[in-house]
């Protein structure tokens, strides 16, 4: 059974930091491209940051210079370090795993990040 379990969300003041984690089970993690997406109320889900199985990284323009994605293939984890948080970063953050070789695409259940004073 495939599971992606996110953690680390919460309430933080503007300018603060949070680190999200996503642990994967039931997949051959080394073959998967991993990513963080977010969805704010009334908005579409959008890519925040992604890291391929080869280690290539990309970010949404809105988070460049503030967020850092990383992966640990041994622990089957990805992280999203979020600094200088803004109220517009408020959203549910979802972990995603996709493998083109298998044609598979999995989602976690999400973790809520609220940036407010």
C-alpha atoms as a PDB file:
ATOM      1  CA  UNK A   1       0.000   0.000   0.000  1.00  0.00           C
ATOM      2  CA  UNK A   2       1.374   3.368  -1.046  1.00  0.00           C
ATOM      3  CA  UNK A   3       1.411   6.116   1.557  1.00  0.00           C
ATOM      4  CA  UNK A   4       2.726   9.652   1.518  1.00  0.00           C
ATOM      5  CA  UNK A   5       2.508  11.218   4.960  1.00  0.00           C
ATOM      6  CA  UNK A   6       3.132  14.918   5.396  1.00  0.00           C
ATOM      7  CA  UNK A   7       3.971  16.669   8.651  1.00  0.00           C
ATOM      8  CA  UNK A   8       5.274  19.980   9.896  1.00  0.00           C
ATOM      9  CA  UNK A   9       2.440  22.322   9.065  1.00  0.00           C
ATOM     10  CA  UNK A  10       1.036  24.828  11.504  1.00  0.00           C
ATOM     11  CA  UNK A  11       0.471  28.462  12.322  1.00  0.00           C
ATOM     12  CA  UNK A  12       3.383  30.841  11.890  1.00  0.00           C
ATOM     13  CA  UNK A  13       3.744  34.607  11.857  1.00  0.00           C
ATOM     14  CA  UNK A  14       4.772  36.460   8.706  1.00  0.00           C
ATOM     15  CA  UNK A  15       8.523  36.281   8.289  1.00  0.00           C
ATOM     16  CA  UNK A  16       8.712  33.000  10.155  1.00  0.00           C
ATOM     17  CA  UNK A  17       9.867  29.562   9.061  1.00  0.00           C
ATOM     18  CA  UNK A  18       8.512  26.042   8.887  1.00  0.00           C
ATOM     19  CA  UNK A  19       9.893  22.767   7.644  1.00  0.00           C
ATOM     20  CA  UNK A  20       7.557  20.273   6.042  1.00  0.00           C
ATOM     21  CA  UNK A  21       8.384  16.584   5.772  1.00  0.00           C
ATOM     22  CA  UNK A  22       6.911  13.828   3.649  1.00  0.00           C
ATOM     23  CA  UNK A  23       7.742  10.194   4.241  1.00  0.00           C
ATOM     24  CA  UNK A  24       6.916   7.661   1.552  1.00  0.00           C
ATOM     25  CA  UNK A  25       6.176   3.975   1.873  1.00  0.00           C
ATOM     26  CA  UNK A  26       5.133   1.314  -0.589  1.00  0.00           C
ATOM     27  CA  UNK A  27       7.072   2.769  -3.523  1.00  0.00           C
ATOM     28  CA  UNK A  28      10.575   2.368  -4.918  1.00  0.00           C
ATOM     29  CA  UNK A  29      11.425   5.893  -3.853  1.00  0.00           C
ATOM     30  CA  UNK A  30      14.635   6.208  -5.893  1.00  0.00           C
ATOM     31  CA  UNK A  31      12.678   6.071  -9.160  1.00  0.00           C
ATOM     32  CA  UNK A  32      10.138   8.728  -8.240  1.00  0.00           C
ATOM     33  CA  UNK A  33      10.073  12.419  -8.976  1.00  0.00           C
ATOM     34  CA  UNK A  34       8.878  14.119  -5.803  1.00  0.00           C
ATOM     35  CA  UNK A  35       7.189  17.428  -5.290  1.00  0.00           C
ATOM     36  CA  UNK A  36       5.330  19.785  -3.019  1.00  0.00           C
ATOM     37  CA  UNK A  37       2.106  21.351  -4.223  1.00  0.00           C
ATOM     38  CA  UNK A  38      -0.243  23.714  -2.440  1.00  0.00           C
ATOM     39  CA  UNK A  39      -3.847  24.713  -2.679  1.00  0.00           C
ATOM     40  CA  UNK A  40      -5.260  27.853  -1.136  1.00  0.00           C
ATOM     41  CA  UNK A  41      -9.016  28.285  -0.552  1.00  0.00           C
ATOM     42  CA  UNK A  42     -10.771  28.923  -3.850  1.00  0.00           C
ATOM     43  CA  UNK A  43      -7.591  28.392  -5.830  1.00  0.00           C
ATOM     44  CA  UNK A  44      -6.236  25.608  -8.005  1.00  0.00           C
ATOM     45  CA  UNK A  45      -3.528  23.317  -6.766  1.00  0.00           C
ATOM     46  CA  UNK A  46      -0.122  24.570  -7.864  1.00  0.00           C
ATOM     47  CA  UNK A  47       3.414  23.237  -7.908  1.00  0.00           C
ATOM     48  CA  UNK A  48       5.607  24.787  -5.230  1.00  0.00           C
ATOM     49  CA  UNK A  49       8.825  22.815  -5.668  1.00  0.00           C
ATOM     50  CA  UNK A  50       9.939  19.585  -7.262  1.00  0.00           C
ATOM     51  CA  UNK A  51      12.973  17.340  -7.185  1.00  0.00           C
ATOM     52  CA  UNK A  52      13.451  14.638  -9.793  1.00  0.00           C
ATOM     53  CA  UNK A  53      14.833  11.188  -9.130  1.00  0.00           C
ATOM     54  CA  UNK A  54      18.073  12.496 -10.624  1.00  0.00           C
ATOM     55  CA  UNK A  55      18.207  15.443  -8.246  1.00  0.00           C
ATOM     56  CA  UNK A  56      17.101  18.235 -10.577  1.00  0.00           C
ATOM     57  CA  UNK A  57      15.156  20.895  -8.702  1.00  0.00           C
ATOM     58  CA  UNK A  58      12.649  23.513  -9.746  1.00  0.00           C
ATOM     59  CA  UNK A  59      10.612  26.110  -7.859  1.00  0.00           C
ATOM     60  CA  UNK A  60       7.602  28.256  -8.461  1.00  0.00           C
ATOM     61  CA  UNK A  61       8.671  31.850  -9.044  1.00  0.00           C
ATOM     62  CA  UNK A  62       6.712  32.943  -5.981  1.00  0.00           C
ATOM     63  CA  UNK A  63       8.899  30.887  -3.616  1.00  0.00           C
ATOM     64  CA  UNK A  64      12.330  31.135  -5.219  1.00  0.00           C
ATOM     65  CA  UNK A  65      14.928  32.270  -2.708  1.00  0.00           C
ATOM     66  CA  UNK A  66      12.643  31.502   0.241  1.00  0.00           C
ATOM     67  CA  UNK A  67      11.872  27.771  -0.002  1.00  0.00           C
ATOM     68  CA  UNK A  68      14.270  24.854  -0.339  1.00  0.00           C
ATOM     69  CA  UNK A  69      13.317  21.316  -1.315  1.00  0.00           C
ATOM     70  CA  UNK A  70      15.517  18.337  -0.572  1.00  0.00           C
ATOM     71  CA  UNK A  71      15.252  14.564  -0.617  1.00  0.00           C
ATOM     72  CA  UNK A  72      16.761  11.680   1.316  1.00  0.00           C
ATOM     73  CA  UNK A  73      16.596   8.490  -0.731  1.00  0.00           C
ATOM     74  CA  UNK A  74      17.698   6.327   2.191  1.00  0.00           C
ATOM     75  CA  UNK A  75      14.968   7.543   4.542  1.00  0.00           C
ATOM     76  CA  UNK A  76      12.450   7.939   1.679  1.00  0.00           C
ATOM     77  CA  UNK A  77      11.784  11.510   2.741  1.00  0.00           C
ATOM     78  CA  UNK A  78      11.463  14.873   1.141  1.00  0.00           C
ATOM     79  CA  UNK A  79      11.577  18.177   2.955  1.00  0.00           C
ATOM     80  CA  UNK A  80      10.432  21.675   2.228  1.00  0.00           C
ATOM     81  CA  UNK A  81      12.212  24.337   4.222  1.00  0.00           C
ATOM     82  CA  UNK A  82      10.099  27.478   4.094  1.00  0.00           C
ATOM     83  CA  UNK A  83      11.616  30.773   5.213  1.00  0.00           C
ATOM     84  CA  UNK A  84      10.365  34.351   5.120  1.00  0.00           C
ATOM     85  CA  UNK A  85       6.806  33.109   5.020  1.00  0.00           C
ATOM     86  CA  UNK A  86       4.087  35.428   3.769  1.00  0.00           C
ATOM     87  CA  UNK A  87       0.330  35.392   4.334  1.00  0.00           C
ATOM     88  CA  UNK A  88      -0.100  34.395   0.680  1.00  0.00           C
ATOM     89  CA  UNK A  89       1.780  31.167   1.432  1.00  0.00           C
ATOM     90  CA  UNK A  90      -1.227  30.046   3.465  1.00  0.00           C
ATOM     91  CA  UNK A  91      -2.520  26.820   1.928  1.00  0.00           C
ATOM     92  CA  UNK A  92      -2.764  23.091   2.304  1.00  0.00           C
ATOM     93  CA  UNK A  93       0.554  21.627   1.194  1.00  0.00           C
ATOM     94  CA  UNK A  94       0.529  18.243  -0.520  1.00  0.00           C
ATOM     95  CA  UNK A  95       3.320  15.794  -1.182  1.00  0.00           C
ATOM     96  CA  UNK A  96       3.371  14.195  -4.633  1.00  0.00           C
ATOM     97  CA  UNK A  97       5.233  11.225  -6.054  1.00  0.00           C
ATOM     98  CA  UNK A  98       5.215  10.350  -9.728  1.00  0.00           C
ATOM     99  CA  UNK A  99       7.091   7.783 -11.748  1.00  0.00           C
ATOM    100  CA  UNK A 100       6.839   7.988 -15.515  1.00  0.00           C
ATOM    101  CA  UNK A 101       8.334   4.525 -15.904  1.00  0.00           C
ATOM    102  CA  UNK A 102       5.402   3.050 -13.991  1.00  0.00           C
ATOM    103  CA  UNK A 103       2.742   5.559 -15.021  1.00  0.00           C
ATOM    104  CA  UNK A 104       1.956   6.181 -11.355  1.00  0.00           C
ATOM    105  CA  UNK A 105       1.077   9.367  -9.517  1.00  0.00           C
ATOM    106  CA  UNK A 106       0.391   9.516  -5.767  1.00  0.00           C
ATOM    107  CA  UNK A 107      -0.710  12.216  -3.338  1.00  0.00           C
ATOM    108  CA  UNK A 108      -0.533  12.691   0.380  1.00  0.00           C
ATOM    109  CA  UNK A 109      -3.496  13.978   2.361  1.00  0.00           C
ATOM    110  CA  UNK A 110      -1.918  17.365   2.963  1.00  0.00           C
ATOM    111  CA  UNK A 111      -0.763  19.524   5.839  1.00  0.00           C
ATOM    112  CA  UNK A 112      -2.126  22.988   6.562  1.00  0.00           C
ATOM    113  CA  UNK A 113       0.198  25.969   6.683  1.00  0.00           C
ATOM    114  CA  UNK A 114      -1.267  29.208   8.002  1.00  0.00           C
ATOM    115  CA  UNK A 115       0.755  32.396   7.928  1.00  0.00           C
ATOM    116  CA  UNK A 116      -0.903  35.043  10.029  1.00  0.00           C
ATOM    117  CA  UNK A 117      -0.185  37.526  12.765  1.00  0.00           C
END
